[in-house]
Amino acid sequence: MAIKDYLVVDIEKPVATFADLTNYFQGRVGDAKAYCKLWIKSGSNSVDMSNKKMRFYGKDSNATPFVAAGGFDDDQPGDDRQLGLITFYFPDGIFQKEGKWQEAFFKIQDENGSDISTGRL
């Protein structure tokens, strides 16, 4: 997979900055093993995602809150955890209602669960 297929999540950008998932991922009701390819960066540098945790938080179009913990790997072609190139897997059942999510963001944490950064979507 080419680098252009990864959504860049820059942890140096202000919290009010949004990343548009539209060209990289569109969840559907009932999706199982849905995923989004991410390139985690800090400015122009890649972030080593070894020993990191990642959570996805959001509210769907019905304002139902969701938290998905941990679901990323470097198991697809092009992925490289040390270069910040990862695939985030959404848990089964997270997409329950059609429509645009009211809010969504990824939170990156160190191995102890302390927050490193948040990327808004």
PDB file of N, CA and C in Angstrom:
ATOM      1  N   MET A   1       0.840  -1.169   0.000  1.00  0.00           N
ATOM      2  CA  MET A   1       0.000   0.000   0.000  1.00  0.00           C
ATOM      3  C   MET A   1       0.889   1.237   0.000  1.00  0.00           C
ATOM      4  N   ALA A   2       0.519   2.223  -0.747  1.00  0.00           N
ATOM      5  CA  ALA A   2       1.310   3.443  -0.872  1.00  0.00           C
ATOM      6  C   ALA A   2       1.094   4.365   0.310  1.00  0.00           C
ATOM      7  N   ILE A   3       2.084   5.210   0.580  1.00  0.00           N
ATOM      8  CA  ILE A   3       2.010   6.181   1.668  1.00  0.00           C
ATOM      9  C   ILE A   3       0.751   7.038   1.539  1.00  0.00           C
ATOM     10  N   LYS A   4       0.335   7.363   0.319  1.00  0.00           N
ATOM     11  CA  LYS A   4      -0.846   8.204   0.129  1.00  0.00           C
ATOM     12  C   LYS A   4      -2.116   7.540   0.662  1.00  0.00           C
ATOM     13  N   ASP A   5      -2.075   6.250   0.923  1.00  0.00           N
ATOM     14  CA  ASP A   5      -3.229   5.532   1.440  1.00  0.00           C
ATOM     15  C   ASP A   5      -3.358   5.644   2.959  1.00  0.00           C
ATOM     16  N   TYR A   6      -2.416   6.311   3.608  1.00  0.00           N
ATOM     17  CA  TYR A   6      -2.442   6.491   5.058  1.00  0.00           C
ATOM     18  C   TYR A   6      -2.940   7.891   5.403  1.00  0.00           C
ATOM     19  N   LEU A   7      -3.815   7.980   6.390  1.00  0.00           N
ATOM     20  CA  LEU A   7      -4.245   9.266   6.915  1.00  0.00           C
ATOM     21  C   LEU A   7      -3.182   9.761   7.880  1.00  0.00           C
ATOM     22  N   VAL A   8      -2.626  10.946   7.628  1.00  0.00           N
ATOM     23  CA  VAL A   8      -1.610  11.503   8.519  1.00  0.00           C
ATOM     24  C   VAL A   8      -2.294  12.096   9.746  1.00  0.00           C
ATOM     25  N   VAL A   9      -1.876  11.634  10.915  1.00  0.00           N
ATOM     26  CA  VAL A   9      -2.334  12.178  12.189  1.00  0.00           C
ATOM     27  C   VAL A   9      -1.116  12.823  12.831  1.00  0.00           C
ATOM     28  N   ASP A  10      -1.078  14.158  12.812  1.00  0.00           N
ATOM     29  CA  ASP A  10       0.055  14.915  13.329  1.00  0.00           C
ATOM     30  C   ASP A  10      -0.231  15.328  14.770  1.00  0.00           C
ATOM     31  N   ILE A  11       0.498  14.751  15.715  1.00  0.00           N
ATOM     32  CA  ILE A  11       0.232  15.019  17.137  1.00  0.00           C
ATOM     33  C   ILE A  11       0.719  16.399  17.569  1.00  0.00           C
ATOM     34  N   GLU A  12       1.413  17.114  16.693  1.00  0.00           N
ATOM     35  CA  GLU A  12       1.873  18.474  17.011  1.00  0.00           C
ATOM     36  C   GLU A  12       0.826  19.534  16.686  1.00  0.00           C
ATOM     37  N   LYS A  13      -0.173  19.167  15.910  1.00  0.00           N
ATOM     38  CA  LYS A  13      -1.186  20.152  15.531  1.00  0.00           C
ATOM     39  C   LYS A  13      -2.069  20.478  16.729  1.00  0.00           C
ATOM     40  N   PRO A  14      -2.620  21.687  16.776  1.00  0.00           N
ATOM     41  CA  PRO A  14      -3.505  22.075  17.895  1.00  0.00           C
ATOM     42  C   PRO A  14      -4.723  21.155  17.990  1.00  0.00           C
ATOM     43  N   VAL A  15      -5.254  21.017  19.195  1.00  0.00           N
ATOM     44  CA  VAL A  15      -6.402  20.138  19.438  1.00  0.00           C
ATOM     45  C   VAL A  15      -7.585  20.504  18.540  1.00  0.00           C
ATOM     46  N   ALA A  16      -7.732  21.765  18.195  1.00  0.00           N
ATOM     47  CA  ALA A  16      -8.858  22.210  17.370  1.00  0.00           C
ATOM     48  C   ALA A  16      -8.701  21.815  15.898  1.00  0.00           C
ATOM     49  N   THR A  17      -7.574  21.206  15.519  1.00  0.00           N
ATOM     50  CA  THR A  17      -7.336  20.783  14.145  1.00  0.00           C
ATOM     51  C   THR A  17      -8.052  19.460  13.884  1.00  0.00           C
ATOM     52  N   PHE A  18      -8.712  19.367  12.734  1.00  0.00           N
ATOM     53  CA  PHE A  18      -9.438  18.154  12.376  1.00  0.00           C
ATOM     54  C   PHE A  18      -8.777  17.465  11.192  1.00  0.00           C
ATOM     55  N   ALA A  19      -8.837  16.139  11.168  1.00  0.00           N
ATOM     56  CA  ALA A  19      -8.392  15.350  10.022  1.00  0.00           C
ATOM     57  C   ALA A  19      -9.639  14.716   9.411  1.00  0.00           C
ATOM     58  N   ASP A  20      -9.784  14.823   8.107  1.00  0.00           N
ATOM     59  CA  ASP A  20     -10.953  14.295   7.409  1.00  0.00           C
ATOM     60  C   ASP A  20     -10.701  12.848   7.001  1.00  0.00           C
ATOM     61  N   LEU A  21     -11.522  11.941   7.517  1.00  0.00           N
ATOM     62  CA  LEU A  21     -11.382  10.517   7.212  1.00  0.00           C
ATOM     63  C   LEU A  21     -12.012  10.105   5.887  1.00  0.00           C
ATOM     64  N   THR A  22     -12.800  10.966   5.290  1.00  0.00           N
ATOM     65  CA  THR A  22     -13.639  10.595   4.153  1.00  0.00           C
ATOM     66  C   THR A  22     -12.900   9.815   3.065  1.00  0.00           C
ATOM     67  N   ASN A  23     -11.711  10.257   2.685  1.00  0.00           N
ATOM     68  CA  ASN A  23     -10.982   9.573   1.609  1.00  0.00           C
ATOM     69  C   ASN A  23     -10.221   8.334   2.073  1.00  0.00           C
ATOM     70  N   TYR A  24     -10.228   8.066   3.378  1.00  0.00           N
ATOM     71  CA  TYR A  24      -9.446   6.957   3.924  1.00  0.00           C
ATOM     72  C   TYR A  24     -10.304   5.866   4.557  1.00  0.00           C
ATOM     73  N   PHE A  25     -11.501   6.257   4.980  1.00  0.00           N
ATOM     74  CA  PHE A  25     -12.333   5.297   5.694  1.00  0.00           C
ATOM     75  C   PHE A  25     -13.771   5.782   5.747  1.00  0.00           C
ATOM     76  N   GLN A  26     -14.703   4.855   5.516  1.00  0.00           N
ATOM     77  CA  GLN A  26     -16.117   5.143   5.698  1.00  0.00           C
ATOM     78  C   GLN A  26     -16.756   3.900   6.291  1.00  0.00           C
ATOM     79  N   GLY A  27     -17.042   3.962   7.594  1.00  0.00           N
ATOM     80  CA  GLY A  27     -17.653   2.829   8.279  1.00  0.00           C
ATOM     81  C   GLY A  27     -19.088   2.633   7.832  1.00  0.00           C
ATOM     82  N   ARG A  28     -19.514   1.382   7.832  1.00  0.00           N
ATOM     83  CA  ARG A  28     -20.886   1.053   7.478  1.00  0.00           C
ATOM     84  C   ARG A  28     -21.521   0.288   8.624  1.00  0.00           C
ATOM     85  N   VAL A  29     -22.826   0.451   8.769  1.00  0.00           N
ATOM     86  CA  VAL A  29     -23.553  -0.266   9.806  1.00  0.00           C
ATOM     87  C   VAL A  29     -23.286  -1.764   9.635  1.00  0.00           C
ATOM     88  N   GLY A  30     -22.901  -2.408  10.731  1.00  0.00           N
ATOM     89  CA  GLY A  30     -22.665  -3.846  10.715  1.00  0.00           C
ATOM     90  C   GLY A  30     -21.263  -4.257  10.300  1.00  0.00           C
ATOM     91  N   ASP A  31     -20.398  -3.291   9.978  1.00  0.00           N
ATOM     92  CA  ASP A  31     -19.030  -3.644   9.595  1.00  0.00           C
ATOM     93  C   ASP A  31     -18.353  -4.471  10.684  1.00  0.00           C
ATOM     94  N   ALA A  32     -17.625  -5.488  10.260  1.00  0.00           N
ATOM     95  CA  ALA A  32     -16.799  -6.291  11.161  1.00  0.00           C
ATOM     96  C   ALA A  32     -15.362  -6.191  10.664  1.00  0.00           C
ATOM     97  N   LYS A  33     -14.447  -5.934  11.559  1.00  0.00           N
ATOM     98  CA  LYS A  33     -13.022  -5.802  11.225  1.00  0.00           C
ATOM     99  C   LYS A  33     -12.755  -4.622  10.296  1.00  0.00           C
ATOM    100  N   ALA A  34     -13.541  -3.564  10.439  1.00  0.00           N
ATOM    101  CA  ALA A  34     -13.284  -2.347   9.661  1.00  0.00           C
ATOM    102  C   ALA A  34     -11.978  -1.738  10.150  1.00  0.00           C
ATOM    103  N   TYR A  35     -11.233  -1.118   9.235  1.00  0.00           N
ATOM    104  CA  TYR A  35      -9.949  -0.550   9.633  1.00  0.00           C
ATOM    105  C   TYR A  35      -9.654   0.739   8.885  1.00  0.00           C
ATOM    106  N   CYS A  36      -8.710   1.484   9.432  1.00  0.00           N
ATOM    107  CA  CYS A  36      -8.230   2.717   8.823  1.00  0.00           C
ATOM    108  C   CYS A  36      -6.713   2.738   8.970  1.00  0.00           C
ATOM    109  N   LYS A  37      -6.018   3.033   7.883  1.00  0.00           N
ATOM    110  CA  LYS A  37      -4.559   3.073   7.908  1.00  0.00           C
ATOM    111  C   LYS A  37      -4.114   4.477   8.308  1.00  0.00           C
ATOM    112  N   LEU A  38      -3.251   4.571   9.314  1.00  0.00           N
ATOM    113  CA  LEU A  38      -2.832   5.844   9.880  1.00  0.00           C
ATOM    114  C   LEU A  38      -1.314   5.979   9.844  1.00  0.00           C
ATOM    115  N   TRP A  39      -0.856   7.201   9.644  1.00  0.00           N
ATOM    116  CA  TRP A  39       0.569   7.525   9.754  1.00  0.00           C
ATOM    117  C   TRP A  39       0.680   8.534  10.874  1.00  0.00           C
ATOM    118  N   ILE A  40       1.176   8.108  12.017  1.00  0.00           N
ATOM    119  CA  ILE A  40       1.293   8.957  13.198  1.00  0.00           C
ATOM    120  C   ILE A  40       2.603   9.721  13.104  1.00  0.00           C
ATOM    121  N   LYS A  41       2.493  11.058  13.123  1.00  0.00           N
ATOM    122  CA  LYS A  41       3.663  11.923  12.976  1.00  0.00           C
ATOM    123  C   LYS A  41       3.666  12.986  14.066  1.00  0.00           C
ATOM    124  N   SER A  42       4.831  13.528  14.295  1.00  0.00           N
ATOM    125  CA  SER A  42       5.014  14.683  15.171  1.00  0.00           C
ATOM    126  C   SER A  42       5.729  15.726  14.316  1.00  0.00           C
ATOM    127  N   GLY A  43       4.959  16.645  13.746  1.00  0.00           N
ATOM    128  CA  GLY A  43       5.530  17.562  12.770  1.00  0.00           C
ATOM    129  C   GLY A  43       5.925  16.781  11.531  1.00  0.00           C
ATOM    130  N   SER A  44       7.184  16.868  11.120  1.00  0.00           N
ATOM    131  CA  SER A  44       7.646  16.138   9.936  1.00  0.00           C
ATOM    132  C   SER A  44       8.254  14.775  10.276  1.00  0.00           C
ATOM    133  N   ASN A  45       8.285  14.422  11.562  1.00  0.00           N
ATOM    134  CA  ASN A  45       8.901  13.159  11.986  1.00  0.00           C
ATOM    135  C   ASN A  45       7.858  12.087  12.289  1.00  0.00           C
ATOM    136  N   SER A  46       8.180  10.868  11.914  1.00  0.00           N
ATOM    137  CA  SER A  46       7.319   9.731  12.245  1.00  0.00           C
ATOM    138  C   SER A  46       7.412   9.434  13.733  1.00  0.00           C
ATOM    139  N   VAL A  47       6.324   8.950  14.320  1.00  0.00           N
ATOM    140  CA  VAL A  47       6.292   8.576  15.738  1.00  0.00           C
ATOM    141  C   VAL A  47       6.389   7.062  15.847  1.00  0.00           C
ATOM    142  N   ASP A  48       7.373   6.582  16.581  1.00  0.00           N
ATOM    143  CA  ASP A  48       7.520   5.150  16.828  1.00  0.00           C
ATOM    144  C   ASP A  48       6.355   4.698  17.709  1.00  0.00           C
ATOM    145  N   MET A  49       5.504   3.833  17.177  1.00  0.00           N
ATOM    146  CA  MET A  49       4.318   3.385  17.909  1.00  0.00           C
ATOM    147  C   MET A  49       4.574   2.105  18.705  1.00  0.00           C
ATOM    148  N   SER A  50       5.835   1.676  18.762  1.00  0.00           N
ATOM    149  CA  SER A  50       6.172   0.528  19.608  1.00  0.00           C
ATOM    150  C   SER A  50       5.859   0.890  21.054  1.00  0.00           C
ATOM    151  N   ASN A  51       5.287  -0.024  21.785  1.00  0.00           N
ATOM    152  CA  ASN A  51       4.946   0.164  23.198  1.00  0.00           C
ATOM    153  C   ASN A  51       3.948   1.296  23.428  1.00  0.00           C
ATOM    154  N   LYS A  52       3.163   1.635  22.414  1.00  0.00           N
ATOM    155  CA  LYS A  52       2.127   2.658  22.562  1.00  0.00           C
ATOM    156  C   LYS A  52       0.754   1.974  22.553  1.00  0.00           C
ATOM    157  N   LYS A  53      -0.204   2.682  23.109  1.00  0.00           N
ATOM    158  CA  LYS A  53      -1.594   2.249  23.080  1.00  0.00           C
ATOM    159  C   LYS A  53      -2.374   3.306  22.321  1.00  0.00           C
ATOM    160  N   MET A  54      -3.493   2.898  21.783  1.00  0.00           N
ATOM    161  CA  MET A  54      -4.317   3.851  21.050  1.00  0.00           C
ATOM    162  C   MET A  54      -5.779   3.547  21.316  1.00  0.00           C
ATOM    163  N   ARG A  55      -6.544   4.609  21.523  1.00  0.00           N
ATOM    164  CA  ARG A  55      -7.981   4.478  21.738  1.00  0.00           C
ATOM    165  C   ARG A  55      -8.708   5.364  20.735  1.00  0.00           C
ATOM    166  N   PHE A  56      -9.889   4.919  20.356  1.00  0.00           N
ATOM    167  CA  PHE A  56     -10.766   5.702  19.501  1.00  0.00           C
ATOM    168  C   PHE A  56     -11.987   6.070  20.340  1.00  0.00           C
ATOM    169  N   TYR A  57     -12.292   7.354  20.367  1.00  0.00           N
ATOM    170  CA  TYR A  57     -13.453   7.852  21.099  1.00  0.00           C
ATOM    171  C   TYR A  57     -14.383   8.537  20.095  1.00  0.00           C
ATOM    172  N   GLY A  58     -15.673   8.471  20.357  1.00  0.00           N
ATOM    173  CA  GLY A  58     -16.584   9.191  19.486  1.00  0.00           C
ATOM    174  C   GLY A  58     -18.029   9.080  19.915  1.00  0.00           C
ATOM    175  N   LYS A  59     -18.858   9.874  19.251  1.00  0.00           N
ATOM    176  CA  LYS A  59     -20.306   9.829  19.412  1.00  0.00           C
ATOM    177  C   LYS A  59     -20.898   9.683  18.022  1.00  0.00           C
ATOM    178  N   ASP A  60     -21.715   8.656  17.850  1.00  0.00           N
ATOM    179  CA  ASP A  60     -22.300   8.435  16.532  1.00  0.00           C
ATOM    180  C   ASP A  60     -23.419   9.440  16.259  1.00  0.00           C
ATOM    181  N   SER A  61     -24.098   9.278  15.138  1.00  0.00           N
ATOM    182  CA  SER A  61     -25.127  10.240  14.737  1.00  0.00           C
ATOM    183  C   SER A  61     -26.322  10.261  15.684  1.00  0.00           C
ATOM    184  N   ASN A  62     -26.409   9.274  16.557  1.00  0.00           N
ATOM    185  CA  ASN A  62     -27.475   9.202  17.556  1.00  0.00           C
ATOM    186  C   ASN A  62     -26.973   9.683  18.924  1.00  0.00           C
ATOM    187  N   ALA A  63     -25.766  10.257  18.966  1.00  0.00           N
ATOM    188  CA  ALA A  63     -25.103  10.754  20.183  1.00  0.00           C
ATOM    189  C   ALA A  63     -24.753   9.632  21.164  1.00  0.00           C
ATOM    190  N   THR A  64     -24.665   8.404  20.668  1.00  0.00           N
ATOM    191  CA  THR A  64     -24.245   7.274  21.503  1.00  0.00           C
ATOM    192  C   THR A  64     -22.723   7.291  21.601  1.00  0.00           C
ATOM    193  N   PRO A  65     -22.177   7.360  22.835  1.00  0.00           N
ATOM    194  CA  PRO A  65     -20.717   7.403  22.978  1.00  0.00           C
ATOM    195  C   PRO A  65     -20.073   6.021  22.808  1.00  0.00           C
ATOM    196  N   PHE A  66     -18.893   6.011  22.220  1.00  0.00           N
ATOM    197  CA  PHE A  66     -18.126   4.785  22.025  1.00  0.00           C
ATOM    198  C   PHE A  66     -16.672   5.018  22.402  1.00  0.00           C
ATOM    199  N   VAL A  67     -16.047   3.974  22.952  1.00  0.00           N
ATOM    200  CA  VAL A  67     -14.615   3.961  23.211  1.00  0.00           C
ATOM    201  C   VAL A  67     -14.095   2.611  22.721  1.00  0.00           C
ATOM    202  N   ALA A  68     -13.106   2.640  21.846  1.00  0.00           N
ATOM    203  CA  ALA A  68     -12.486   1.417  21.348  1.00  0.00           C
ATOM    204  C   ALA A  68     -11.019   1.439  21.751  1.00  0.00           C
ATOM    205  N   ALA A  69     -10.605   0.476  22.524  1.00  0.00           N
ATOM    206  CA  ALA A  69      -9.249   0.470  23.062  1.00  0.00           C
ATOM    207  C   ALA A  69      -8.329  -0.454  22.277  1.00  0.00           C
ATOM    208  N   GLY A  70      -7.104   0.026  22.120  1.00  0.00           N
ATOM    209  CA  GLY A  70      -6.004  -0.834  21.719  1.00  0.00           C
ATOM    210  C   GLY A  70      -5.884  -1.300  20.307  1.00  0.00           C
ATOM    211  N   GLY A  71      -6.913  -1.203  19.482  1.00  0.00           N
ATOM    212  CA  GLY A  71      -6.957  -1.950  18.245  1.00  0.00           C
ATOM    213  C   GLY A  71      -6.086  -1.527  17.092  1.00  0.00           C
ATOM    214  N   PHE A  72      -4.783  -1.451  17.251  1.00  0.00           N
ATOM    215  CA  PHE A  72      -3.945  -1.189  16.069  1.00  0.00           C
ATOM    216  C   PHE A  72      -2.840  -2.225  15.975  1.00  0.00           C
ATOM    217  N   ASP A  73      -2.349  -2.373  14.737  1.00  0.00           N
ATOM    218  CA  ASP A  73      -1.289  -3.342  14.491  1.00  0.00           C
ATOM    219  C   ASP A  73      -0.486  -2.857  13.289  1.00  0.00           C
ATOM    220  N   ASP A  74       0.563  -3.589  12.973  1.00  0.00           N
ATOM    221  CA  ASP A  74       1.359  -3.296  11.776  1.00  0.00           C
ATOM    222  C   ASP A  74       1.407  -4.552  10.918  1.00  0.00           C
ATOM    223  N   ASP A  75       0.227  -5.121  10.670  1.00  0.00           N
ATOM    224  CA  ASP A  75       0.121  -6.422  10.030  1.00  0.00           C
ATOM    225  C   ASP A  75      -0.275  -6.377   8.555  1.00  0.00           C
ATOM    226  N   GLN A  76      -0.371  -5.198   7.970  1.00  0.00           N
ATOM    227  CA  GLN A  76      -0.751  -5.101   6.561  1.00  0.00           C
ATOM    228  C   GLN A  76       0.427  -4.580   5.739  1.00  0.00           C
ATOM    229  N   PRO A  77       0.423  -4.872   4.430  1.00  0.00           N
ATOM    230  CA  PRO A  77       1.512  -4.381   3.575  1.00  0.00           C
ATOM    231  C   PRO A  77       1.684  -2.870   3.715  1.00  0.00           C
ATOM    232  N   GLY A  78       2.918  -2.429   3.888  1.00  0.00           N
ATOM    233  CA  GLY A  78       3.229  -1.014   4.035  1.00  0.00           C
ATOM    234  C   GLY A  78       3.316  -0.556   5.477  1.00  0.00           C
ATOM    235  N   ASP A  79       2.704  -1.293   6.400  1.00  0.00           N
ATOM    236  CA  ASP A  79       2.732  -0.905   7.805  1.00  0.00           C
ATOM    237  C   ASP A  79       4.129  -1.084   8.390  1.00  0.00           C
ATOM    238  N   ASP A  80       4.494  -0.195   9.301  1.00  0.00           N
ATOM    239  CA  ASP A  80       5.745  -0.295  10.030  1.00  0.00           C
ATOM    240  C   ASP A  80       5.582   0.491  11.329  1.00  0.00           C
ATOM    241  N   ARG A  81       5.364  -0.212  12.413  1.00  0.00           N
ATOM    242  CA  ARG A  81       5.091   0.391  13.716  1.00  0.00           C
ATOM    243  C   ARG A  81       6.157   1.425  14.103  1.00  0.00           C
ATOM    244  N   GLN A  82       7.430   1.120  13.836  1.00  0.00           N
ATOM    245  CA  GLN A  82       8.508   2.030  14.215  1.00  0.00           C
ATOM    246  C   GLN A  82       8.487   3.328  13.410  1.00  0.00           C
ATOM    247  N   LEU A  83       7.874   3.300  12.231  1.00  0.00           N
ATOM    248  CA  LEU A  83       7.758   4.496  11.400  1.00  0.00           C
ATOM    249  C   LEU A  83       6.387   5.165  11.561  1.00  0.00           C
ATOM    250  N   GLY A  84       5.583   4.668  12.497  1.00  0.00           N
ATOM    251  CA  GLY A  84       4.269   5.251  12.743  1.00  0.00           C
ATOM    252  C   GLY A  84       3.209   4.853  11.739  1.00  0.00           C
ATOM    253  N   LEU A  85       3.507   3.913  10.854  1.00  0.00           N
ATOM    254  CA  LEU A  85       2.566   3.446   9.839  1.00  0.00           C
ATOM    255  C   LEU A  85       1.809   2.243  10.394  1.00  0.00           C
ATOM    256  N   ILE A  86       0.552   2.467  10.784  1.00  0.00           N
ATOM    257  CA  ILE A  86      -0.221   1.429  11.465  1.00  0.00           C
ATOM    258  C   ILE A  86      -1.609   1.275  10.847  1.00  0.00           C
ATOM    259  N   THR A  87      -2.253   0.189  11.205  1.00  0.00           N
ATOM    260  CA  THR A  87      -3.643  -0.041  10.827  1.00  0.00           C
ATOM    261  C   THR A  87      -4.445  -0.117  12.113  1.00  0.00           C
ATOM    262  N   PHE A  88      -5.430   0.795  12.254  1.00  0.00           N
ATOM    263  CA  PHE A  88      -6.311   0.784  13.424  1.00  0.00           C
ATOM    264  C   PHE A  88      -7.551  -0.024  13.073  1.00  0.00           C
ATOM    265  N   TYR A  89      -7.875  -1.006  13.913  1.00  0.00           N
ATOM    266  CA  TYR A  89      -9.041  -1.859  13.709  1.00  0.00           C
ATOM    267  C   TYR A  89     -10.165  -1.442  14.643  1.00  0.00           C
ATOM    268  N   PHE A  90     -11.300  -1.100  14.064  1.00  0.00           N
ATOM    269  CA  PHE A  90     -12.471  -0.758  14.859  1.00  0.00           C
ATOM    270  C   PHE A  90     -13.146  -2.048  15.313  1.00  0.00           C
ATOM    271  N   PRO A  91     -13.624  -2.097  16.560  1.00  0.00           N
ATOM    272  CA  PRO A  91     -14.259  -3.330  17.037  1.00  0.00           C
ATOM    273  C   PRO A  91     -15.597  -3.576  16.342  1.00  0.00           C
ATOM    274  N   ASP A  92     -15.956  -4.865  16.246  1.00  0.00           N
ATOM    275  CA  ASP A  92     -17.251  -5.227  15.691  1.00  0.00           C
ATOM    276  C   ASP A  92     -18.349  -4.504  16.452  1.00  0.00           C
ATOM    277  N   GLY A  93     -19.345  -4.037  15.743  1.00  0.00           N
ATOM    278  CA  GLY A  93     -20.505  -3.427  16.375  1.00  0.00           C
ATOM    279  C   GLY A  93     -20.382  -1.955  16.701  1.00  0.00           C
ATOM    280  N   ILE A  94     -19.268  -1.321  16.381  1.00  0.00           N
ATOM    281  CA  ILE A  94     -19.117   0.095  16.728  1.00  0.00           C
ATOM    282  C   ILE A  94     -19.957   0.981  15.804  1.00  0.00           C
ATOM    283  N   PHE A  95     -20.206   0.527  14.596  1.00  0.00           N
ATOM    284  CA  PHE A  95     -21.026   1.302  13.663  1.00  0.00           C
ATOM    285  C   PHE A  95     -22.442   0.738  13.672  1.00  0.00           C
ATOM    286  N   GLN A  96     -23.301   1.374  14.457  1.00  0.00           N
ATOM    287  CA  GLN A  96     -24.652   0.855  14.690  1.00  0.00           C
ATOM    288  C   GLN A  96     -25.747   1.676  14.031  1.00  0.00           C
ATOM    289  N   LYS A  97     -25.440   2.905  13.649  1.00  0.00           N
ATOM    290  CA  LYS A  97     -26.459   3.804  13.107  1.00  0.00           C
ATOM    291  C   LYS A  97     -25.886   4.561  11.919  1.00  0.00           C
ATOM    292  N   GLU A  98     -26.684   4.693  10.868  1.00  0.00           N
ATOM    293  CA  GLU A  98     -26.254   5.461   9.701  1.00  0.00           C
ATOM    294  C   GLU A  98     -26.113   6.930  10.062  1.00  0.00           C
ATOM    295  N   GLY A  99     -25.259   7.618   9.343  1.00  0.00           N
ATOM    296  CA  GLY A  99     -25.110   9.050   9.518  1.00  0.00           C
ATOM    297  C   GLY A  99     -23.715   9.446   9.959  1.00  0.00           C
ATOM    298  N   LYS A 100     -23.483  10.746   9.951  1.00  0.00           N
ATOM    299  CA  LYS A 100     -22.179  11.303  10.311  1.00  0.00           C
ATOM    300  C   LYS A 100     -22.012  11.309  11.829  1.00  0.00           C
ATOM    301  N   TRP A 101     -20.840  10.894  12.283  1.00  0.00           N
ATOM    302  CA  TRP A 101     -20.545  10.924  13.714  1.00  0.00           C
ATOM    303  C   TRP A 101     -20.455  12.372  14.183  1.00  0.00           C
ATOM    304  N   GLN A 102     -20.955  12.640  15.377  1.00  0.00           N
ATOM    305  CA  GLN A 102     -20.948  13.991  15.933  1.00  0.00           C
ATOM    306  C   GLN A 102     -19.553  14.415  16.358  1.00  0.00           C
ATOM    307  N   GLU A 103     -18.771  13.479  16.839  1.00  0.00           N
ATOM    308  CA  GLU A 103     -17.377  13.743  17.169  1.00  0.00           C
ATOM    309  C   GLU A 103     -16.623  12.428  17.158  1.00  0.00           C
ATOM    310  N   ALA A 104     -15.326  12.525  16.902  1.00  0.00           N
ATOM    311  CA  ALA A 104     -14.485  11.327  16.895  1.00  0.00           C
ATOM    312  C   ALA A 104     -13.034  11.764  17.026  1.00  0.00           C
ATOM    313  N   PHE A 105     -12.261  10.977  17.793  1.00  0.00           N
ATOM    314  CA  PHE A 105     -10.834  11.271  17.906  1.00  0.00           C
ATOM    315  C   PHE A 105     -10.069  10.040  18.365  1.00  0.00           C
ATOM    316  N   PHE A 106      -8.786  10.025  18.013  1.00  0.00           N
ATOM    317  CA  PHE A 106      -7.859   9.006  18.482  1.00  0.00           C
ATOM    318  C   PHE A 106      -7.057   9.593  19.632  1.00  0.00           C
ATOM    319  N   LYS A 107      -6.787   8.784  20.630  1.00  0.00           N
ATOM    320  CA  LYS A 107      -5.916   9.198  21.727  1.00  0.00           C
ATOM    321  C   LYS A 107      -4.752   8.215  21.782  1.00  0.00           C
ATOM    322  N   ILE A 108      -3.540   8.752  21.779  1.00  0.00           N
ATOM    323  CA  ILE A 108      -2.333   7.924  21.847  1.00  0.00           C
ATOM    324  C   ILE A 108      -1.806   7.986  23.272  1.00  0.00           C
ATOM    325  N   GLN A 109      -1.454   6.813  23.798  1.00  0.00           N
ATOM    326  CA  GLN A 109      -0.969   6.711  25.174  1.00  0.00           C
ATOM    327  C   GLN A 109       0.329   5.923  25.216  1.00  0.00           C
ATOM    328  N   ASP A 110       1.140   6.207  26.245  1.00  0.00           N
ATOM    329  CA  ASP A 110       2.355   5.411  26.427  1.00  0.00           C
ATOM    330  C   ASP A 110       1.990   4.071  27.053  1.00  0.00           C
ATOM    331  N   GLU A 111       2.993   3.233  27.287  1.00  0.00           N
ATOM    332  CA  GLU A 111       2.741   1.882  27.803  1.00  0.00           C
ATOM    333  C   GLU A 111       2.097   1.877  29.186  1.00  0.00           C
ATOM    334  N   ASN A 112       2.174   2.994  29.912  1.00  0.00           N
ATOM    335  CA  ASN A 112       1.566   3.096  31.248  1.00  0.00           C
ATOM    336  C   ASN A 112       0.161   3.677  31.206  1.00  0.00           C
ATOM    337  N   GLY A 113      -0.327   4.021  30.008  1.00  0.00           N
ATOM    338  CA  GLY A 113      -1.667   4.572  29.872  1.00  0.00           C
ATOM    339  C   GLY A 113      -1.736   6.088  30.000  1.00  0.00           C
ATOM    340  N   SER A 114      -0.571   6.762  30.101  1.00  0.00           N
ATOM    341  CA  SER A 114      -0.562   8.227  30.165  1.00  0.00           C
ATOM    342  C   SER A 114      -0.751   8.795  28.756  1.00  0.00           C
ATOM    343  N   ASP A 115      -1.579   9.824  28.647  1.00  0.00           N
ATOM    344  CA  ASP A 115      -1.869  10.421  27.341  1.00  0.00           C
ATOM    345  C   ASP A 115      -0.645  11.106  26.753  1.00  0.00           C
ATOM    346  N   ILE A 116      -0.409  10.847  25.479  1.00  0.00           N
ATOM    347  CA  ILE A 116       0.656  11.510  24.738  1.00  0.00           C
ATOM    348  C   ILE A 116       0.045  12.596  23.867  1.00  0.00           C
ATOM    349  N   SER A 117      -1.042  12.258  23.171  1.00  0.00           N
ATOM    350  CA  SER A 117      -1.657  13.223  22.276  1.00  0.00           C
ATOM    351  C   SER A 117      -3.034  12.750  21.858  1.00  0.00           C
ATOM    352  N   THR A 118      -3.782  13.677  21.261  1.00  0.00           N
ATOM    353  CA  THR A 118      -5.110  13.401  20.747  1.00  0.00           C
ATOM    354  C   THR A 118      -5.195  13.944  19.325  1.00  0.00           C
ATOM    355  N   GLY A 119      -5.751  13.131  18.430  1.00  0.00           N
ATOM    356  CA  GLY A 119      -5.961  13.564  17.052  1.00  0.00           C
ATOM    357  C   GLY A 119      -7.446  13.565  16.750  1.00  0.00           C
ATOM    358  N   ARG A 120      -8.015  14.749  16.486  1.00  0.00           N
ATOM    359  CA  ARG A 120      -9.448  14.880  16.223  1.00  0.00           C
ATOM    360  C   ARG A 120      -9.750  14.572  14.768  1.00  0.00           C
ATOM    361  N   LEU A 121     -10.915  13.968  14.566  1.00  0.00           N
ATOM    362  CA  LEU A 121     -11.353  13.578  13.219  1.00  0.00           C
ATOM    363  C   LEU A 121     -12.616  14.307  12.860  1.00  0.00           C
TER     364      LEU A 121
END
